[in-house]
Structures are given as structure tokens and as C-alpha cells.
């Protein structure tokens, strides 16, 4: 599944950073954070993952993306769920 936003705020040249991370071994309610160290500020991000989960970008603060994970029913996965076997692919656009 893929989730993201590509509404860039201005014309110009952006850096692109791609990351592949595994999910947390104990999922925190409200989502988990991933820092994209190559960027100072993220303007747009796309996230996909393996298996039957749906990642939703719930916030971006500077170069940190917060990802909420939903199951096949559309509900957030339970706090404490082991997602360490799930791969999350992140493509971020920024400066």
C-alpha cells in the first residue's frame, strides 16, 4: 500500500531521499517516527510498506516523518504490535 502527498510549496530544485526501514518491535499509539537525515526540511513524502498494512503520514516536522499504520479494516494497529517484520519504504522531497 502507498500513502503520501506531493504538493510541493514552490517551484525549484528539491533533494530526494529514499529510505527503507523496518517497523518498530512495539508500535506506539499514534504512529512511529522516522528521521530523514539527508534533509533539513521535508516538503512532501510518500510511504509504502510490505504485507497487508496501510501507512499514513500523519505529520512532518522538519526532517522527521510520523507514520500511523492501519490494518486491513482501516483501524490503527494496536499499541504494542510487533511490526519489525514489515518493511517501510519512504521517499521524501525537501531541502
PDB file of N, CA and C in Angstrom:
ATOM      1  N   UNK A   1       0.843  -1.177   0.000  1.00  0.00           N
ATOM      2  CA  UNK A   1       0.000   0.000   0.000  1.00  0.00           C
ATOM      3  C   UNK A   1       0.890   1.242   0.000  1.00  0.00           C
ATOM      4  N   UNK A   2       0.381   2.319  -0.549  1.00  0.00           N
ATOM      5  CA  UNK A   2       1.140   3.560  -0.638  1.00  0.00           C
ATOM      6  C   UNK A   2       0.292   4.711  -0.119  1.00  0.00           C
ATOM      7  N   UNK A   3       0.951   5.635   0.582  1.00  0.00           N
ATOM      8  CA  UNK A   3       0.274   6.826   1.072  1.00  0.00           C
ATOM      9  C   UNK A   3       1.241   7.989   0.991  1.00  0.00           C
ATOM     10  N   UNK A   4       0.755   9.162   0.659  1.00  0.00           N
ATOM     11  CA  UNK A   4       1.648  10.306   0.654  1.00  0.00           C
ATOM     12  C   UNK A   4       1.025  11.538   0.057  1.00  0.00           C
ATOM     13  N   UNK A   5       1.833  12.582  -0.003  1.00  0.00           N
ATOM     14  CA  UNK A   5       1.403  13.865  -0.535  1.00  0.00           C
ATOM     15  C   UNK A   5       2.530  14.435  -1.373  1.00  0.00           C
ATOM     16  N   UNK A   6       2.199  14.958  -2.567  1.00  0.00           N
ATOM     17  CA  UNK A   6       3.218  15.537  -3.432  1.00  0.00           C
ATOM     18  C   UNK A   6       2.912  16.980  -3.803  1.00  0.00           C
ATOM     19  N   UNK A   7       2.329  17.734  -2.904  1.00  0.00           N
ATOM     20  CA  UNK A   7       2.043  19.139  -3.155  1.00  0.00           C
ATOM     21  C   UNK A   7       3.244  19.958  -2.690  1.00  0.00           C
ATOM     22  N   UNK A   8       4.185  20.206  -3.611  1.00  0.00           N
ATOM     23  CA  UNK A   8       5.381  20.960  -3.271  1.00  0.00           C
ATOM     24  C   UNK A   8       5.050  22.446  -3.175  1.00  0.00           C
ATOM     25  N   UNK A   9       5.600  23.158  -2.188  1.00  0.00           N
ATOM     26  CA  UNK A   9       5.192  24.540  -1.925  1.00  0.00           C
ATOM     27  C   UNK A   9       5.691  25.583  -2.911  1.00  0.00           C
ATOM     28  N   UNK A  10       6.731  25.255  -3.674  1.00  0.00           N
ATOM     29  CA  UNK A  10       7.275  26.262  -4.579  1.00  0.00           C
ATOM     30  C   UNK A  10       7.992  25.570  -5.726  1.00  0.00           C
ATOM     31  N   UNK A  11       8.183  26.308  -6.806  1.00  0.00           N
ATOM     32  CA  UNK A  11       8.946  25.770  -7.923  1.00  0.00           C
ATOM     33  C   UNK A  11      10.417  25.752  -7.545  1.00  0.00           C
ATOM     34  N   UNK A  12      11.159  24.857  -8.162  1.00  0.00           N
ATOM     35  CA  UNK A  12      12.592  24.826  -7.900  1.00  0.00           C
ATOM     36  C   UNK A  12      13.119  23.413  -7.858  1.00  0.00           C
ATOM     37  N   UNK A  13      14.333  23.307  -7.376  1.00  0.00           N
ATOM     38  CA  UNK A  13      15.004  22.024  -7.301  1.00  0.00           C
ATOM     39  C   UNK A  13      14.924  21.513  -5.866  1.00  0.00           C
ATOM     40  N   UNK A  14      14.535  20.253  -5.740  1.00  0.00           N
ATOM     41  CA  UNK A  14      14.422  19.630  -4.429  1.00  0.00           C
ATOM     42  C   UNK A  14      15.376  18.449  -4.341  1.00  0.00           C
ATOM     43  N   UNK A  15      15.824  18.160  -3.147  1.00  0.00           N
ATOM     44  CA  UNK A  15      16.576  16.941  -2.899  1.00  0.00           C
ATOM     45  C   UNK A  15      15.563  15.817  -2.705  1.00  0.00           C
ATOM     46  N   UNK A  16      15.971  14.609  -3.069  1.00  0.00           N
ATOM     47  CA  UNK A  16      15.125  13.439  -2.862  1.00  0.00           C
ATOM     48  C   UNK A  16      15.910  12.450  -2.015  1.00  0.00           C
ATOM     49  N   UNK A  17      15.279  11.940  -0.965  1.00  0.00           N
ATOM     50  CA  UNK A  17      15.914  10.944  -0.106  1.00  0.00           C
ATOM     51  C   UNK A  17      15.020   9.711  -0.061  1.00  0.00           C
ATOM     52  N   UNK A  18      15.622   8.553  -0.224  1.00  0.00           N
ATOM     53  CA  UNK A  18      14.881   7.289  -0.165  1.00  0.00           C
ATOM     54  C   UNK A  18      15.422   6.452   0.984  1.00  0.00           C
ATOM     55  N   UNK A  19      14.504   5.935   1.783  1.00  0.00           N
ATOM     56  CA  UNK A  19      14.888   5.108   2.925  1.00  0.00           C
ATOM     57  C   UNK A  19      14.032   3.850   2.970  1.00  0.00           C
ATOM     58  N   UNK A  20      14.628   2.775   3.419  1.00  0.00           N
ATOM     59  CA  UNK A  20      13.913   1.527   3.684  1.00  0.00           C
ATOM     60  C   UNK A  20      14.182   1.202   5.145  1.00  0.00           C
ATOM     61  N   UNK A  21      13.119   1.181   5.944  1.00  0.00           N
ATOM     62  CA  UNK A  21      13.255   0.907   7.378  1.00  0.00           C
ATOM     63  C   UNK A  21      12.303  -0.208   7.780  1.00  0.00           C
ATOM     64  N   UNK A  22      12.649  -0.884   8.850  1.00  0.00           N
ATOM     65  CA  UNK A  22      11.724  -1.881   9.403  1.00  0.00           C
ATOM     66  C   UNK A  22      10.860  -1.195  10.455  1.00  0.00           C
ATOM     67  N   UNK A  23       9.674  -1.722  10.641  1.00  0.00           N
ATOM     68  CA  UNK A  23       8.765  -1.160  11.634  1.00  0.00           C
ATOM     69  C   UNK A  23       9.268  -1.415  13.045  1.00  0.00           C
ATOM     70  N   UNK A  24       8.646  -0.765  14.007  1.00  0.00           N
ATOM     71  CA  UNK A  24       9.057  -0.937  15.406  1.00  0.00           C
ATOM     72  C   UNK A  24       8.629  -2.305  15.952  1.00  0.00           C
ATOM     73  N   UNK A  25       9.385  -2.805  16.910  1.00  0.00           N
ATOM     74  CA  UNK A  25       9.023  -4.086  17.540  1.00  0.00           C
ATOM     75  C   UNK A  25       7.846  -3.917  18.494  1.00  0.00           C
ATOM     76  N   UNK A  26       7.588  -2.673  18.910  1.00  0.00           N
ATOM     77  CA  UNK A  26       6.430  -2.363  19.746  1.00  0.00           C
ATOM     78  C   UNK A  26       5.849  -1.041  19.245  1.00  0.00           C
ATOM     79  N   UNK A  27       4.823  -1.136  18.399  1.00  0.00           N
ATOM     80  CA  UNK A  27       4.230   0.037  17.765  1.00  0.00           C
ATOM     81  C   UNK A  27       3.624   0.975  18.806  1.00  0.00           C
ATOM     82  N   UNK A  28       3.984   2.278  18.776  1.00  0.00           N
ATOM     83  CA  UNK A  28       3.399   3.241  19.710  1.00  0.00           C
ATOM     84  C   UNK A  28       2.077   3.797  19.170  1.00  0.00           C
ATOM     85  N   UNK A  29       1.090   3.941  20.016  1.00  0.00           N
ATOM     86  CA  UNK A  29      -0.194   4.517  19.601  1.00  0.00           C
ATOM     87  C   UNK A  29       0.043   5.885  18.978  1.00  0.00           C
ATOM     88  N   UNK A  30      -0.611   6.145  17.857  1.00  0.00           N
ATOM     89  CA  UNK A  30      -0.462   7.425  17.185  1.00  0.00           C
ATOM     90  C   UNK A  30       0.600   7.442  16.111  1.00  0.00           C
ATOM     91  N   UNK A  31       1.411   6.382  16.031  1.00  0.00           N
ATOM     92  CA  UNK A  31       2.395   6.278  14.965  1.00  0.00           C
ATOM     93  C   UNK A  31       3.830   6.294  15.452  1.00  0.00           C
ATOM     94  N   UNK A  32       4.739   5.935  14.542  1.00  0.00           N
ATOM     95  CA  UNK A  32       6.163   5.937  14.875  1.00  0.00           C
ATOM     96  C   UNK A  32       6.882   6.942  13.978  1.00  0.00           C
ATOM     97  N   UNK A  33       8.026   7.427  14.459  1.00  0.00           N
ATOM     98  CA  UNK A  33       8.761   8.472  13.752  1.00  0.00           C
ATOM     99  C   UNK A  33       9.993   7.920  13.048  1.00  0.00           C
ATOM    100  N   UNK A  34      10.278   8.504  11.872  1.00  0.00           N
ATOM    101  CA  UNK A  34      11.485   8.178  11.115  1.00  0.00           C
ATOM    102  C   UNK A  34      12.165   9.489  10.745  1.00  0.00           C
ATOM    103  N   UNK A  35      13.442   9.609  11.106  1.00  0.00           N
ATOM    104  CA  UNK A  35      14.214  10.802  10.757  1.00  0.00           C
ATOM    105  C   UNK A  35      14.894  10.574   9.411  1.00  0.00           C
ATOM    106  N   UNK A  36      14.838  11.585   8.548  1.00  0.00           N
ATOM    107  CA  UNK A  36      15.487  11.548   7.244  1.00  0.00           C
ATOM    108  C   UNK A  36      16.679  12.512   7.332  1.00  0.00           C
ATOM    109  N   UNK A  37      17.865  12.010   7.689  1.00  0.00           N
ATOM    110  CA  UNK A  37      18.997  12.894   7.995  1.00  0.00           C
ATOM    111  C   UNK A  37      19.552  13.676   6.801  1.00  0.00           C
ATOM    112  N   UNK A  38      19.304  13.221   5.575  1.00  0.00           N
ATOM    113  CA  UNK A  38      19.820  13.932   4.400  1.00  0.00           C
ATOM    114  C   UNK A  38      19.102  15.256   4.150  1.00  0.00           C
ATOM    115  N   UNK A  39      17.939  15.426   4.740  1.00  0.00           N
ATOM    116  CA  UNK A  39      17.141  16.633   4.518  1.00  0.00           C
ATOM    117  C   UNK A  39      17.025  17.443   5.802  1.00  0.00           C
ATOM    118  N   UNK A  40      16.979  18.762   5.663  1.00  0.00           N
ATOM    119  CA  UNK A  40      16.724  19.640   6.810  1.00  0.00           C
ATOM    120  C   UNK A  40      15.236  19.878   6.973  1.00  0.00           C
ATOM    121  N   UNK A  41      14.547  19.934   5.825  1.00  0.00           N
ATOM    122  CA  UNK A  41      13.107  20.215   5.814  1.00  0.00           C
ATOM    123  C   UNK A  41      12.461  19.355   4.736  1.00  0.00           C
ATOM    124  N   UNK A  42      11.393  18.655   5.103  1.00  0.00           N
ATOM    125  CA  UNK A  42      10.663  17.807   4.160  1.00  0.00           C
ATOM    126  C   UNK A  42       9.411  18.552   3.720  1.00  0.00           C
ATOM    127  N   UNK A  43       9.201  18.605   2.394  1.00  0.00           N
ATOM    128  CA  UNK A  43       8.014  19.250   1.843  1.00  0.00           C
ATOM    129  C   UNK A  43       6.965  18.248   1.372  1.00  0.00           C
ATOM    130  N   UNK A  44       7.404  17.075   0.965  1.00  0.00           N
ATOM    131  CA  UNK A  44       6.471  16.045   0.502  1.00  0.00           C
ATOM    132  C   UNK A  44       7.086  14.689   0.778  1.00  0.00           C
ATOM    133  N   UNK A  45       6.231  13.705   1.049  1.00  0.00           N
ATOM    134  CA  UNK A  45       6.729  12.367   1.374  1.00  0.00           C
ATOM    135  C   UNK A  45       5.725  11.323   0.911  1.00  0.00           C
ATOM    136  N   UNK A  46       6.264  10.196   0.451  1.00  0.00           N
ATOM    137  CA  UNK A  46       5.450   9.050   0.054  1.00  0.00           C
ATOM    138  C   UNK A  46       5.959   7.849   0.835  1.00  0.00           C
ATOM    139  N   UNK A  47       5.035   7.076   1.408  1.00  0.00           N
ATOM    140  CA  UNK A  47       5.406   5.897   2.189  1.00  0.00           C
ATOM    141  C   UNK A  47       4.635   4.689   1.684  1.00  0.00           C
ATOM    142  N   UNK A  48       5.326   3.581   1.534  1.00  0.00           N
ATOM    143  CA  UNK A  48       4.680   2.311   1.208  1.00  0.00           C
ATOM    144  C   UNK A  48       5.206   1.268   2.179  1.00  0.00           C
ATOM    145  N   UNK A  49       4.525   0.137   2.241  1.00  0.00           N
ATOM    146  CA  UNK A  49       5.022  -0.921   3.110  1.00  0.00           C
ATOM    147  C   UNK A  49       4.647  -2.289   2.568  1.00  0.00           C
ATOM    148  N   UNK A  50       5.333  -3.285   3.090  1.00  0.00           N
ATOM    149  CA  UNK A  50       5.062  -4.657   2.713  1.00  0.00           C
ATOM    150  C   UNK A  50       3.894  -5.185   3.548  1.00  0.00           C
ATOM    151  N   UNK A  51       3.377  -6.317   3.161  1.00  0.00           N
ATOM    152  CA  UNK A  51       2.317  -7.017   3.877  1.00  0.00           C
ATOM    153  C   UNK A  51       0.982  -6.275   3.742  1.00  0.00           C
ATOM    154  N   UNK A  52       0.047  -6.599   4.587  1.00  0.00           N
ATOM    155  CA  UNK A  52      -1.329  -6.086   4.471  1.00  0.00           C
ATOM    156  C   UNK A  52      -1.572  -4.915   5.416  1.00  0.00           C
ATOM    157  N   UNK A  53      -0.690  -3.925   5.377  1.00  0.00           N
ATOM    158  CA  UNK A  53      -0.841  -2.734   6.205  1.00  0.00           C
ATOM    159  C   UNK A  53      -0.911  -1.496   5.319  1.00  0.00           C
ATOM    160  N   UNK A  54      -1.475  -0.419   5.850  1.00  0.00           N
ATOM    161  CA  UNK A  54      -1.603   0.832   5.125  1.00  0.00           C
ATOM    162  C   UNK A  54      -0.927   1.932   5.931  1.00  0.00           C
ATOM    163  N   UNK A  55       0.219   2.446   5.473  1.00  0.00           N
ATOM    164  CA  UNK A  55       0.899   3.517   6.205  1.00  0.00           C
ATOM    165  C   UNK A  55       0.306   4.880   5.859  1.00  0.00           C
ATOM    166  N   UNK A  56       0.099   5.697   6.866  1.00  0.00           N
ATOM    167  CA  UNK A  56      -0.441   7.046   6.670  1.00  0.00           C
ATOM    168  C   UNK A  56       0.527   8.048   7.291  1.00  0.00           C
ATOM    169  N   UNK A  57       0.935   9.026   6.515  1.00  0.00           N
ATOM    170  CA  UNK A  57       1.784  10.089   7.047  1.00  0.00           C
ATOM    171  C   UNK A  57       0.869  11.033   7.827  1.00  0.00           C
ATOM    172  N   UNK A  58       1.087  11.118   9.138  1.00  0.00           N
ATOM    173  CA  UNK A  58       0.220  11.970   9.956  1.00  0.00           C
ATOM    174  C   UNK A  58       0.845  13.318  10.272  1.00  0.00           C
ATOM    175  N   UNK A  59       2.180  13.395  10.196  1.00  0.00           N
ATOM    176  CA  UNK A  59       2.828  14.687  10.398  1.00  0.00           C
ATOM    177  C   UNK A  59       4.257  14.648   9.884  1.00  0.00           C
ATOM    178  N   UNK A  60       4.742  15.833   9.577  1.00  0.00           N
ATOM    179  CA  UNK A  60       6.141  16.023   9.196  1.00  0.00           C
ATOM    180  C   UNK A  60       6.625  17.255   9.947  1.00  0.00           C
ATOM    181  N   UNK A  61       7.688  17.088  10.716  1.00  0.00           N
ATOM    182  CA  UNK A  61       8.285  18.198  11.441  1.00  0.00           C
ATOM    183  C   UNK A  61       9.752  18.266  11.045  1.00  0.00           C
ATOM    184  N   UNK A  62      10.117  19.316  10.325  1.00  0.00           N
ATOM    185  CA  UNK A  62      11.471  19.469   9.793  1.00  0.00           C
ATOM    186  C   UNK A  62      11.841  18.241   8.961  1.00  0.00           C
ATOM    187  N   UNK A  63      12.691  17.344   9.493  1.00  0.00           N
ATOM    188  CA  UNK A  63      13.087  16.157   8.730  1.00  0.00           C
ATOM    189  C   UNK A  63      12.638  14.851   9.390  1.00  0.00           C
ATOM    190  N   UNK A  64      11.588  14.927  10.172  1.00  0.00           N
ATOM    191  CA  UNK A  64      11.046  13.743  10.855  1.00  0.00           C
ATOM    192  C   UNK A  64       9.623  13.483  10.358  1.00  0.00           C
ATOM    193  N   UNK A  65       9.399  12.252   9.909  1.00  0.00           N
ATOM    194  CA  UNK A  65       8.097  11.820   9.403  1.00  0.00           C
ATOM    195  C   UNK A  65       7.437  10.931  10.458  1.00  0.00           C
ATOM    196  N   UNK A  66       6.182  11.206  10.781  1.00  0.00           N
ATOM    197  CA  UNK A  66       5.432  10.358  11.698  1.00  0.00           C
ATOM    198  C   UNK A  66       4.466   9.513  10.882  1.00  0.00           C
ATOM    199  N   UNK A  67       4.564   8.184  11.047  1.00  0.00           N
ATOM    200  CA  UNK A  67       3.781   7.240  10.248  1.00  0.00           C
ATOM    201  C   UNK A  67       2.816   6.472  11.138  1.00  0.00           C
ATOM    202  N   UNK A  68       1.532   6.630  10.855  1.00  0.00           N
ATOM    203  CA  UNK A  68       0.482   5.861  11.518  1.00  0.00           C
ATOM    204  C   UNK A  68       0.208   4.646  10.627  1.00  0.00           C
ATOM    205  N   UNK A  69       0.046   3.488  11.228  1.00  0.00           N
ATOM    206  CA  UNK A  69      -0.153   2.263  10.451  1.00  0.00           C
ATOM    207  C   UNK A  69      -1.557   1.721  10.703  1.00  0.00           C
ATOM    208  N   UNK A  70      -2.270   1.475   9.599  1.00  0.00           N
ATOM    209  CA  UNK A  70      -3.620   0.907   9.682  1.00  0.00           C
ATOM    210  C   UNK A  70      -3.602  -0.531   9.173  1.00  0.00           C
ATOM    211  N   UNK A  71      -4.550  -1.330   9.683  1.00  0.00           N
ATOM    212  CA  UNK A  71      -4.684  -2.708   9.213  1.00  0.00           C
ATOM    213  C   UNK A  71      -5.698  -2.770   8.075  1.00  0.00           C
ATOM    214  N   UNK A  72      -6.044  -3.960   7.653  1.00  0.00           N
ATOM    215  CA  UNK A  72      -6.946  -4.122   6.509  1.00  0.00           C
ATOM    216  C   UNK A  72      -8.369  -3.650   6.783  1.00  0.00           C
ATOM    217  N   UNK A  73      -8.742  -3.468   8.043  1.00  0.00           N
ATOM    218  CA  UNK A  73     -10.079  -2.959   8.368  1.00  0.00           C
ATOM    219  C   UNK A  73     -10.115  -1.429   8.371  1.00  0.00           C
ATOM    220  N   UNK A  74      -8.935  -0.797   8.257  1.00  0.00           N
ATOM    221  CA  UNK A  74      -8.862   0.657   8.290  1.00  0.00           C
ATOM    222  C   UNK A  74      -8.625   1.223   9.668  1.00  0.00           C
ATOM    223  N   UNK A  75      -8.452   0.342  10.647  1.00  0.00           N
ATOM    224  CA  UNK A  75      -8.189   0.788  12.017  1.00  0.00           C
ATOM    225  C   UNK A  75      -6.690   0.835  12.276  1.00  0.00           C
ATOM    226  N   UNK A  76      -6.294   1.762  13.145  1.00  0.00           N
ATOM    227  CA  UNK A  76      -4.889   1.802  13.540  1.00  0.00           C
ATOM    228  C   UNK A  76      -4.528   0.484  14.213  1.00  0.00           C
ATOM    229  N   UNK A  77      -3.321  -0.018  13.925  1.00  0.00           N
ATOM    230  CA  UNK A  77      -2.885  -1.245  14.587  1.00  0.00           C
ATOM    231  C   UNK A  77      -2.770  -0.983  16.079  1.00  0.00           C
ATOM    232  N   UNK A  78      -2.917  -2.007  16.859  1.00  0.00           N
ATOM    233  CA  UNK A  78      -2.897  -1.868  18.313  1.00  0.00           C
ATOM    234  C   UNK A  78      -1.525  -1.455  18.821  1.00  0.00           C
ATOM    235  N   UNK A  79      -1.537  -0.644  19.866  1.00  0.00           N
ATOM    236  CA  UNK A  79      -0.301  -0.272  20.533  1.00  0.00           C
ATOM    237  C   UNK A  79       0.408  -1.542  21.002  1.00  0.00           C
ATOM    238  N   UNK A  80       1.707  -1.600  20.769  1.00  0.00           N
ATOM    239  CA  UNK A  80       2.481  -2.775  21.176  1.00  0.00           C
ATOM    240  C   UNK A  80       2.633  -3.825  20.084  1.00  0.00           C
ATOM    241  N   UNK A  81       1.924  -3.661  18.956  1.00  0.00           N
ATOM    242  CA  UNK A  81       2.026  -4.623  17.854  1.00  0.00           C
ATOM    243  C   UNK A  81       3.459  -4.677  17.328  1.00  0.00           C
ATOM    244  N   UNK A  82       3.947  -5.878  17.091  1.00  0.00           N
ATOM    245  CA  UNK A  82       5.297  -6.071  16.556  1.00  0.00           C
ATOM    246  C   UNK A  82       5.262  -5.911  15.041  1.00  0.00           C
ATOM    247  N   UNK A  83       5.827  -4.819  14.542  1.00  0.00           N
ATOM    248  CA  UNK A  83       5.903  -4.569  13.106  1.00  0.00           C
ATOM    249  C   UNK A  83       7.339  -4.701  12.595  1.00  0.00           C
ATOM    250  N   UNK A  84       8.194  -5.359  13.368  1.00  0.00           N
ATOM    251  CA  UNK A  84       9.608  -5.457  12.989  1.00  0.00           C
ATOM    252  C   UNK A  84       9.832  -6.300  11.739  1.00  0.00           C
ATOM    253  N   UNK A  85       8.853  -7.082  11.338  1.00  0.00           N
ATOM    254  CA  UNK A  85       8.962  -7.864  10.116  1.00  0.00           C
ATOM    255  C   UNK A  85       8.411  -7.132   8.895  1.00  0.00           C
ATOM    256  N   UNK A  86       7.955  -5.894   9.077  1.00  0.00           N
ATOM    257  CA  UNK A  86       7.365  -5.119   7.994  1.00  0.00           C
ATOM    258  C   UNK A  86       8.379  -4.076   7.508  1.00  0.00           C
ATOM    259  N   UNK A  87       8.561  -3.984   6.207  1.00  0.00           N
ATOM    260  CA  UNK A  87       9.465  -3.008   5.610  1.00  0.00           C
ATOM    261  C   UNK A  87       8.676  -1.795   5.140  1.00  0.00           C
ATOM    262  N   UNK A  88       9.131  -0.619   5.541  1.00  0.00           N
ATOM    263  CA  UNK A  88       8.524   0.644   5.124  1.00  0.00           C
ATOM    264  C   UNK A  88       9.490   1.354   4.177  1.00  0.00           C
ATOM    265  N   UNK A  89       8.988   1.731   3.002  1.00  0.00           N
ATOM    266  CA  UNK A  89       9.779   2.451   2.001  1.00  0.00           C
ATOM    267  C   UNK A  89       9.340   3.907   2.017  1.00  0.00           C
ATOM    268  N   UNK A  90      10.296   4.796   2.182  1.00  0.00           N
ATOM    269  CA  UNK A  90       9.996   6.219   2.330  1.00  0.00           C
ATOM    270  C   UNK A  90      10.755   6.995   1.261  1.00  0.00           C
ATOM    271  N   UNK A  91      10.037   7.819   0.510  1.00  0.00           N
ATOM    272  CA  UNK A  91      10.660   8.745  -0.437  1.00  0.00           C
ATOM    273  C   UNK A  91      10.249  10.147  -0.004  1.00  0.00           C
ATOM    274  N   UNK A  92      11.235  10.961   0.339  1.00  0.00           N
ATOM    275  CA  UNK A  92      10.966  12.304   0.832  1.00  0.00           C
ATOM    276  C   UNK A  92      11.597  13.349  -0.098  1.00  0.00           C
ATOM    277  N   UNK A  93      10.892  14.463  -0.278  1.00  0.00           N
ATOM    278  CA  UNK A  93      11.339  15.569  -1.110  1.00  0.00           C
ATOM    279  C   UNK A  93      11.515  16.788  -0.213  1.00  0.00           C
ATOM    280  N   UNK A  94      12.632  17.458  -0.318  1.00  0.00           N
ATOM    281  CA  UNK A  94      12.851  18.620   0.532  1.00  0.00           C
ATOM    282  C   UNK A  94      14.148  19.334   0.229  1.00  0.00           C
ATOM    283  N   UNK A  95      14.686  19.951   1.277  1.00  0.00           N
ATOM    284  CA  UNK A  95      15.956  20.663   1.128  1.00  0.00           C
ATOM    285  C   UNK A  95      16.872  20.351   2.287  1.00  0.00           C
TER     286      UNK A  95
END
